[in-house]
Amino acid sequence: MTVSRLLKSSIAAAATLFWAGCAQAATFDLTLTGVAAAGHYSSQDIGATHYDQWVLSLSGLDAMSAITVHQGDMINATITLDMPFTIPASQQLTSFALVLGGSAFPGLSTASSGSTAFFNAGSPVIDGAESVLTSSQLDNAVDFFPPNNGPITFDSVISTFTITDLSLPATLDYSLLTYTLFSPSTAGVPEPAAWTMMLIGFGGLGAMVRSRRRATIA
């Protein structure tokens, strides 16, 4: 009788784990906004390559509206700017990303796969798809190479992606838009890992932007 009860308990536990693993992934619809003129510009040289960067802190995801995501979840983000904004042309590569992070985001590797579509006055401008590996944040990034990476003027972006690697649940409470321009150099076109590592640093940059905003409000 005891063996029978143990067997039933084991079967029930296995069934519970099976159905938990088959749980429906969640879909999060985010509506984010930004003031184009509030973006922060910077530039730096790493090795023989010059990088021009722009970072804009977005509204619509904060401590009061934070979301907790898991591997397999999908994020549909619509980003609207207050006025048209132009990403300048680059001669080597233009990298653009929506970055989602959290003040208590676990320090772990993440990956996502999705698409990015740009619009201006409701008309499609350009789109692309990219898979991104990063750490301590979620990125949906797209990169453009010559000859199709001329100036991109847009006032809204739709960023849709699935979280393909996230070992622990993560709470998201801030969002950023970023772009990086790569200038010609003797090093040639950088490997994707080079600009991915740079994007990883935007998590800390986001915290800095939020701190400045809190100080301004105070």
C-alpha atoms as a PDB file:
ATOM      1  CA  MET A   1       0.000   0.000   0.000  1.00  0.00           C
ATOM      2  CA  THR A   2       2.852   2.365   0.871  1.00  0.00           C
ATOM      3  CA  VAL A   3       4.567   1.617  -2.454  1.00  0.00           C
ATOM      4  CA  SER A   4       1.320   2.323  -4.283  1.00  0.00           C
ATOM      5  CA  ARG A   5       0.914   5.686  -2.539  1.00  0.00           C
ATOM      6  CA  LEU A   6       4.533   6.639  -3.300  1.00  0.00           C
ATOM      7  CA  LEU A   7       4.061   5.688  -6.941  1.00  0.00           C
ATOM      8  CA  LYS A   8       0.914   7.782  -7.219  1.00  0.00           C
ATOM      9  CA  SER A   9       2.652  10.718  -5.557  1.00  0.00           C
ATOM     10  CA  SER A  10       5.591  10.428  -7.959  1.00  0.00           C
ATOM     11  CA  ILE A  11       3.272  10.340 -10.971  1.00  0.00           C
ATOM     12  CA  ALA A  12       1.350  13.361  -9.697  1.00  0.00           C
ATOM     13  CA  ALA A  13       4.578  15.304  -9.121  1.00  0.00           C
ATOM     14  CA  ALA A  14       5.846  14.433 -12.590  1.00  0.00           C
ATOM     15  CA  ALA A  15       2.550  15.531 -14.145  1.00  0.00           C
ATOM     16  CA  THR A  16       2.707  18.823 -12.267  1.00  0.00           C
ATOM     17  CA  LEU A  17       6.224  19.511 -13.551  1.00  0.00           C
ATOM     18  CA  PHE A  18       5.209  18.538 -17.091  1.00  0.00           C
ATOM     19  CA  TRP A  19       2.248  20.910 -17.214  1.00  0.00           C
ATOM     20  CA  ALA A  20       4.263  23.676 -15.578  1.00  0.00           C
ATOM     21  CA  GLY A  21       6.853  23.301 -18.341  1.00  0.00           C
ATOM     22  CA  CYS A  22       4.095  23.481 -20.942  1.00  0.00           C
ATOM     23  CA  ALA A  23       2.608  26.664 -19.458  1.00  0.00           C
ATOM     24  CA  GLN A  24       1.584  29.243 -22.000  1.00  0.00           C
ATOM     25  CA  ALA A  25       4.218  31.930 -22.550  1.00  0.00           C
ATOM     26  CA  ALA A  26       3.062  35.442 -21.749  1.00  0.00           C
ATOM     27  CA  THR A  27       2.872  38.360 -24.185  1.00  0.00           C
ATOM     28  CA  PHE A  28       3.544  41.881 -22.940  1.00  0.00           C
ATOM     29  CA  ASP A  29       2.355  44.931 -24.889  1.00  0.00           C
ATOM     30  CA  LEU A  30       4.373  48.018 -23.982  1.00  0.00           C
ATOM     31  CA  THR A  31       3.552  51.585 -24.967  1.00  0.00           C
ATOM     32  CA  LEU A  32       6.673  53.716 -24.576  1.00  0.00           C
ATOM     33  CA  THR A  33       7.300  57.375 -25.320  1.00  0.00           C
ATOM     34  CA  GLY A  34      10.370  59.582 -25.594  1.00  0.00           C
ATOM     35  CA  VAL A  35      11.408  63.202 -26.043  1.00  0.00           C
ATOM     36  CA  ALA A  36      13.904  63.134 -28.910  1.00  0.00           C
ATOM     37  CA  ALA A  37      15.846  66.195 -27.700  1.00  0.00           C
ATOM     38  CA  ALA A  38      16.485  64.516 -24.328  1.00  0.00           C
ATOM     39  CA  GLY A  39      18.840  61.928 -25.827  1.00  0.00           C
ATOM     40  CA  HIS A  40      22.427  61.783 -24.543  1.00  0.00           C
ATOM     41  CA  TYR A  41      25.284  61.761 -27.065  1.00  0.00           C
ATOM     42  CA  SER A  42      28.777  60.417 -26.479  1.00  0.00           C
ATOM     43  CA  SER A  43      31.739  59.211 -28.488  1.00  0.00           C
ATOM     44  CA  GLN A  44      34.759  57.069 -27.776  1.00  0.00           C
ATOM     45  CA  ASP A  45      37.564  55.166 -29.405  1.00  0.00           C
ATOM     46  CA  ILE A  46      38.088  51.493 -28.731  1.00  0.00           C
ATOM     47  CA  GLY A  47      41.214  50.232 -30.391  1.00  0.00           C
ATOM     48  CA  ALA A  48      41.236  51.600 -33.923  1.00  0.00           C
ATOM     49  CA  THR A  49      37.458  52.035 -34.166  1.00  0.00           C
ATOM     50  CA  HIS A  50      35.510  55.232 -33.407  1.00  0.00           C
ATOM     51  CA  TYR A  51      31.981  54.973 -31.961  1.00  0.00           C
ATOM     52  CA  ASP A  52      29.312  57.693 -31.862  1.00  0.00           C
ATOM     53  CA  GLN A  53      26.503  56.770 -29.474  1.00  0.00           C
ATOM     54  CA  TRP A  54      23.064  58.100 -28.569  1.00  0.00           C
ATOM     55  CA  VAL A  55      20.912  56.982 -25.641  1.00  0.00           C
ATOM     56  CA  LEU A  56      17.326  58.056 -24.910  1.00  0.00           C
ATOM     57  CA  SER A  57      15.501  57.135 -21.706  1.00  0.00           C
ATOM     58  CA  LEU A  58      11.847  56.250 -22.394  1.00  0.00           C
ATOM     59  CA  SER A  59       8.697  56.676 -20.330  1.00  0.00           C
ATOM     60  CA  GLY A  60       6.084  53.972 -19.888  1.00  0.00           C
ATOM     61  CA  LEU A  61       8.029  51.348 -17.968  1.00  0.00           C
ATOM     62  CA  ASP A  62       9.034  52.170 -14.404  1.00  0.00           C
ATOM     63  CA  ALA A  63       8.818  50.859 -10.855  1.00  0.00           C
ATOM     64  CA  MET A  64       5.044  51.405 -10.797  1.00  0.00           C
ATOM     65  CA  SER A  65       4.451  49.589 -14.093  1.00  0.00           C
ATOM     66  CA  ALA A  66       7.244  47.001 -13.900  1.00  0.00           C
ATOM     67  CA  ILE A  67       6.770  43.605 -15.557  1.00  0.00           C
ATOM     68  CA  THR A  68       8.330  40.245 -14.705  1.00  0.00           C
ATOM     69  CA  VAL A  69       9.307  38.146 -17.704  1.00  0.00           C
ATOM     70  CA  HIS A  70      10.398  34.557 -18.247  1.00  0.00           C
ATOM     71  CA  GLN A  71      12.118  32.652 -21.008  1.00  0.00           C
ATOM     72  CA  GLY A  72       9.716  32.176 -23.912  1.00  0.00           C
ATOM     73  CA  ASP A  73       7.733  35.351 -23.240  1.00  0.00           C
ATOM     74  CA  MET A  74       7.114  37.788 -26.087  1.00  0.00           C
ATOM     75  CA  ILE A  75       7.371  41.571 -25.900  1.00  0.00           C
ATOM     76  CA  ASN A  76       5.556  43.871 -28.312  1.00  0.00           C
ATOM     77  CA  ALA A  77       6.794  47.425 -27.766  1.00  0.00           C
ATOM     78  CA  THR A  78       5.476  50.493 -29.565  1.00  0.00           C
ATOM     79  CA  ILE A  79       7.772  53.498 -29.106  1.00  0.00           C
ATOM     80  CA  THR A  80       6.570  56.975 -30.063  1.00  0.00           C
ATOM     81  CA  LEU A  81       8.762  60.087 -30.107  1.00  0.00           C
ATOM     82  CA  ASP A  82       7.458  63.627 -29.726  1.00  0.00           C
ATOM     83  CA  MET A  83       9.000  64.634 -33.082  1.00  0.00           C
ATOM     84  CA  PRO A  84      10.836  63.029 -36.017  1.00  0.00           C
ATOM     85  CA  PHE A  85      14.401  62.017 -35.251  1.00  0.00           C
ATOM     86  CA  THR A  86      17.202  61.169 -37.672  1.00  0.00           C
ATOM     87  CA  ILE A  87      19.919  58.601 -37.137  1.00  0.00           C
ATOM     88  CA  PRO A  88      22.868  59.857 -39.207  1.00  0.00           C
ATOM     89  CA  ALA A  89      24.425  57.696 -41.903  1.00  0.00           C
ATOM     90  CA  SER A  90      27.438  55.600 -41.069  1.00  0.00           C
ATOM     91  CA  GLN A  91      30.058  54.299 -43.448  1.00  0.00           C
ATOM     92  CA  GLN A  92      30.581  50.943 -41.798  1.00  0.00           C
ATOM     93  CA  LEU A  93      27.672  49.931 -39.602  1.00  0.00           C
ATOM     94  CA  THR A  94      24.696  51.400 -37.729  1.00  0.00           C
ATOM     95  CA  SER A  95      23.451  49.518 -34.678  1.00  0.00           C
ATOM     96  CA  PHE A  96      20.061  50.367 -33.153  1.00  0.00           C
ATOM     97  CA  ALA A  97      18.460  48.757 -30.091  1.00  0.00           C
ATOM     98  CA  LEU A  98      15.587  48.845 -27.674  1.00  0.00           C
ATOM     99  CA  VAL A  99      17.025  47.989 -24.258  1.00  0.00           C
ATOM    100  CA  LEU A 100      14.843  46.801 -21.379  1.00  0.00           C
ATOM    101  CA  GLY A 101      16.339  46.389 -17.939  1.00  0.00           C
ATOM    102  CA  GLY A 102      15.657  46.480 -14.242  1.00  0.00           C
ATOM    103  CA  SER A 103      17.237  47.976 -11.156  1.00  0.00           C
ATOM    104  CA  ALA A 104      17.306  44.452  -9.667  1.00  0.00           C
ATOM    105  CA  PHE A 105      17.821  42.518 -12.898  1.00  0.00           C
ATOM    106  CA  PRO A 106      19.714  39.288 -12.114  1.00  0.00           C
ATOM    107  CA  GLY A 107      23.248  39.220 -13.484  1.00  0.00           C
ATOM    108  CA  LEU A 108      22.780  36.491 -16.035  1.00  0.00           C
ATOM    109  CA  SER A 109      23.090  35.895 -19.758  1.00  0.00           C
ATOM    110  CA  THR A 110      20.059  36.597 -21.927  1.00  0.00           C
ATOM    111  CA  ALA A 111      19.144  36.208 -25.569  1.00  0.00           C
ATOM    112  CA  SER A 112      16.292  37.435 -27.722  1.00  0.00           C
ATOM    113  CA  SER A 113      15.180  37.171 -31.313  1.00  0.00           C
ATOM    114  CA  GLY A 114      12.804  39.493 -33.100  1.00  0.00           C
ATOM    115  CA  SER A 115      12.274  42.399 -35.458  1.00  0.00           C
ATOM    116  CA  THR A 116      12.426  46.189 -35.494  1.00  0.00           C
ATOM    117  CA  ALA A 117      10.304  48.394 -37.760  1.00  0.00           C
ATOM    118  CA  PHE A 118      10.711  52.170 -38.193  1.00  0.00           C
ATOM    119  CA  PHE A 119       7.890  54.525 -39.200  1.00  0.00           C
ATOM    120  CA  ASN A 120       7.643  58.226 -40.019  1.00  0.00           C
ATOM    121  CA  ALA A 121       4.206  59.873 -40.040  1.00  0.00           C
ATOM    122  CA  GLY A 122       2.714  56.386 -40.186  1.00  0.00           C
ATOM    123  CA  SER A 123       4.675  55.283 -43.257  1.00  0.00           C
ATOM    124  CA  PRO A 124       7.195  52.405 -43.062  1.00  0.00           C
ATOM    125  CA  VAL A 125      10.816  53.537 -43.312  1.00  0.00           C
ATOM    126  CA  ILE A 126      13.001  50.468 -42.862  1.00  0.00           C
ATOM    127  CA  ASP A 127      12.966  47.259 -40.859  1.00  0.00           C
ATOM    128  CA  GLY A 128      15.247  44.424 -39.920  1.00  0.00           C
ATOM    129  CA  ALA A 129      15.706  41.416 -37.671  1.00  0.00           C
ATOM    130  CA  GLU A 130      18.500  40.322 -35.382  1.00  0.00           C
ATOM    131  CA  SER A 131      19.260  37.878 -32.614  1.00  0.00           C
ATOM    132  CA  VAL A 132      21.015  39.355 -29.603  1.00  0.00           C
ATOM    133  CA  LEU A 133      23.082  37.859 -26.800  1.00  0.00           C
ATOM    134  CA  THR A 134      23.693  40.115 -23.835  1.00  0.00           C
ATOM    135  CA  SER A 135      23.862  40.222 -20.042  1.00  0.00           C
ATOM    136  CA  SER A 136      21.846  41.838 -17.221  1.00  0.00           C
ATOM    137  CA  GLN A 137      19.272  43.318 -19.600  1.00  0.00           C
ATOM    138  CA  LEU A 138      17.171  42.472 -22.642  1.00  0.00           C
ATOM    139  CA  ASP A 139      18.072  43.923 -26.042  1.00  0.00           C
ATOM    140  CA  ASN A 140      16.229  43.794 -29.324  1.00  0.00           C
ATOM    141  CA  ALA A 141      18.819  45.133 -31.736  1.00  0.00           C
ATOM    142  CA  VAL A 142      19.160  45.510 -35.477  1.00  0.00           C
ATOM    143  CA  ASP A 143      22.232  46.518 -37.453  1.00  0.00           C
ATOM    144  CA  PHE A 144      22.471  48.049 -40.920  1.00  0.00           C
ATOM    145  CA  PHE A 145      25.464  47.778 -43.238  1.00  0.00           C
ATOM    146  CA  PRO A 146      26.246  49.782 -46.396  1.00  0.00           C
ATOM    147  CA  PRO A 147      24.795  50.421 -48.851  1.00  0.00           C
ATOM    148  CA  ASN A 148      21.444  50.424 -47.026  1.00  0.00           C
ATOM    149  CA  ASN A 149      22.412  52.233 -43.853  1.00  0.00           C
ATOM    150  CA  GLY A 150      21.881  55.827 -44.907  1.00  0.00           C
ATOM    151  CA  PRO A 151      20.142  58.323 -42.600  1.00  0.00           C
ATOM    152  CA  ILE A 152      17.003  56.924 -40.958  1.00  0.00           C
ATOM    153  CA  THR A 153      14.305  59.460 -40.043  1.00  0.00           C
ATOM    154  CA  PHE A 154      11.498  58.144 -37.858  1.00  0.00           C
ATOM    155  CA  ASP A 155       9.006  59.162 -35.190  1.00  0.00           C
ATOM    156  CA  SER A 156       7.922  55.709 -34.050  1.00  0.00           C
ATOM    157  CA  VAL A 157       9.313  52.200 -33.768  1.00  0.00           C
ATOM    158  CA  ILE A 158       7.712  48.808 -33.295  1.00  0.00           C
ATOM    159  CA  SER A 159      10.038  46.343 -31.572  1.00  0.00           C
ATOM    160  CA  THR A 160       8.787  42.763 -31.297  1.00  0.00           C
ATOM    161  CA  PHE A 161      10.861  39.962 -29.857  1.00  0.00           C
ATOM    162  CA  THR A 162      10.817  36.665 -27.993  1.00  0.00           C
ATOM    163  CA  ILE A 163      13.049  35.972 -25.008  1.00  0.00           C
ATOM    164  CA  THR A 164      14.941  32.864 -26.073  1.00  0.00           C
ATOM    165  CA  ASP A 165      17.352  32.567 -23.136  1.00  0.00           C
ATOM    166  CA  LEU A 166      16.610  33.692 -19.585  1.00  0.00           C
ATOM    167  CA  SER A 167      17.384  31.175 -16.851  1.00  0.00           C
ATOM    168  CA  LEU A 168      15.653  33.130 -14.066  1.00  0.00           C
ATOM    169  CA  PRO A 169      12.623  35.455 -14.011  1.00  0.00           C
ATOM    170  CA  ALA A 170      13.612  39.103 -14.503  1.00  0.00           C
ATOM    171  CA  THR A 171      11.762  42.256 -13.506  1.00  0.00           C
ATOM    172  CA  LEU A 172      11.925  45.111 -16.018  1.00  0.00           C
ATOM    173  CA  ASP A 173      11.420  48.696 -14.867  1.00  0.00           C
ATOM    174  CA  TYR A 174      13.186  50.911 -17.417  1.00  0.00           C
ATOM    175  CA  SER A 175      13.643  51.185 -21.166  1.00  0.00           C
ATOM    176  CA  LEU A 176      16.107  52.897 -23.491  1.00  0.00           C
ATOM    177  CA  LEU A 177      16.582  53.522 -27.191  1.00  0.00           C
ATOM    178  CA  THR A 178      20.178  53.510 -28.387  1.00  0.00           C
ATOM    179  CA  TYR A 179      22.125  53.747 -31.584  1.00  0.00           C
ATOM    180  CA  THR A 180      25.822  53.427 -32.327  1.00  0.00           C
ATOM    181  CA  LEU A 181      27.627  54.580 -35.471  1.00  0.00           C
ATOM    182  CA  PHE A 182      30.871  52.899 -36.479  1.00  0.00           C
ATOM    183  CA  SER A 183      33.462  55.028 -38.242  1.00  0.00           C
ATOM    184  CA  PRO A 184      36.007  53.715 -40.771  1.00  0.00           C
ATOM    185  CA  SER A 185      39.241  52.408 -39.371  1.00  0.00           C
ATOM    186  CA  THR A 186      42.149  50.180 -40.225  1.00  0.00           C
ATOM    187  CA  ALA A 187      40.447  47.514 -38.115  1.00  0.00           C
ATOM    188  CA  GLY A 188      37.709  47.044 -40.698  1.00  0.00           C
ATOM    189  CA  VAL A 189      34.074  46.285 -39.852  1.00  0.00           C
ATOM    190  CA  PRO A 190      33.801  45.260 -36.175  1.00  0.00           C
ATOM    191  CA  GLU A 191      32.535  41.837 -35.241  1.00  0.00           C
ATOM    192  CA  PRO A 192      28.953  41.807 -33.839  1.00  0.00           C
ATOM    193  CA  ALA A 193      30.388  40.880 -30.442  1.00  0.00           C
ATOM    194  CA  ALA A 194      32.164  44.246 -30.304  1.00  0.00           C
ATOM    195  CA  TRP A 195      29.013  46.342 -30.392  1.00  0.00           C
ATOM    196  CA  THR A 196      27.060  43.804 -28.307  1.00  0.00           C
ATOM    197  CA  MET A 197      29.553  44.308 -25.484  1.00  0.00           C
ATOM    198  CA  MET A 198      28.992  48.046 -25.774  1.00  0.00           C
ATOM    199  CA  LEU A 199      25.233  47.576 -25.497  1.00  0.00           C
ATOM    200  CA  ILE A 200      25.730  45.642 -22.269  1.00  0.00           C
ATOM    201  CA  GLY A 201      27.031  48.849 -20.713  1.00  0.00           C
ATOM    202  CA  PHE A 202      23.798  50.703 -21.449  1.00  0.00           C
ATOM    203  CA  GLY A 203      22.197  49.024 -18.431  1.00  0.00           C
ATOM    204  CA  GLY A 204      24.404  51.130 -16.181  1.00  0.00           C
ATOM    205  CA  LEU A 205      23.867  54.137 -18.415  1.00  0.00           C
ATOM    206  CA  GLY A 206      20.134  53.682 -17.949  1.00  0.00           C
ATOM    207  CA  ALA A 207      20.550  53.796 -14.194  1.00  0.00           C
ATOM    208  CA  MET A 208      22.531  57.008 -14.558  1.00  0.00           C
ATOM    209  CA  VAL A 209      19.810  58.576 -16.723  1.00  0.00           C
ATOM    210  CA  ARG A 210      17.115  57.590 -14.200  1.00  0.00           C
ATOM    211  CA  SER A 211      19.164  59.069 -11.347  1.00  0.00           C
ATOM    212  CA  ARG A 212      19.495  62.359 -13.222  1.00  0.00           C
ATOM    213  CA  ARG A 213      15.750  62.428 -13.862  1.00  0.00           C
ATOM    214  CA  ARG A 214      14.976  61.819 -10.173  1.00  0.00           C
ATOM    215  CA  ALA A 215      17.421  64.572  -9.177  1.00  0.00           C
ATOM    216  CA  THR A 216      15.736  66.986 -11.608  1.00  0.00           C
ATOM    217  CA  ILE A 217      12.283  66.174 -10.244  1.00  0.00           C
ATOM    218  CA  ALA A 218      13.533  66.668  -6.667  1.00  0.00           C
END
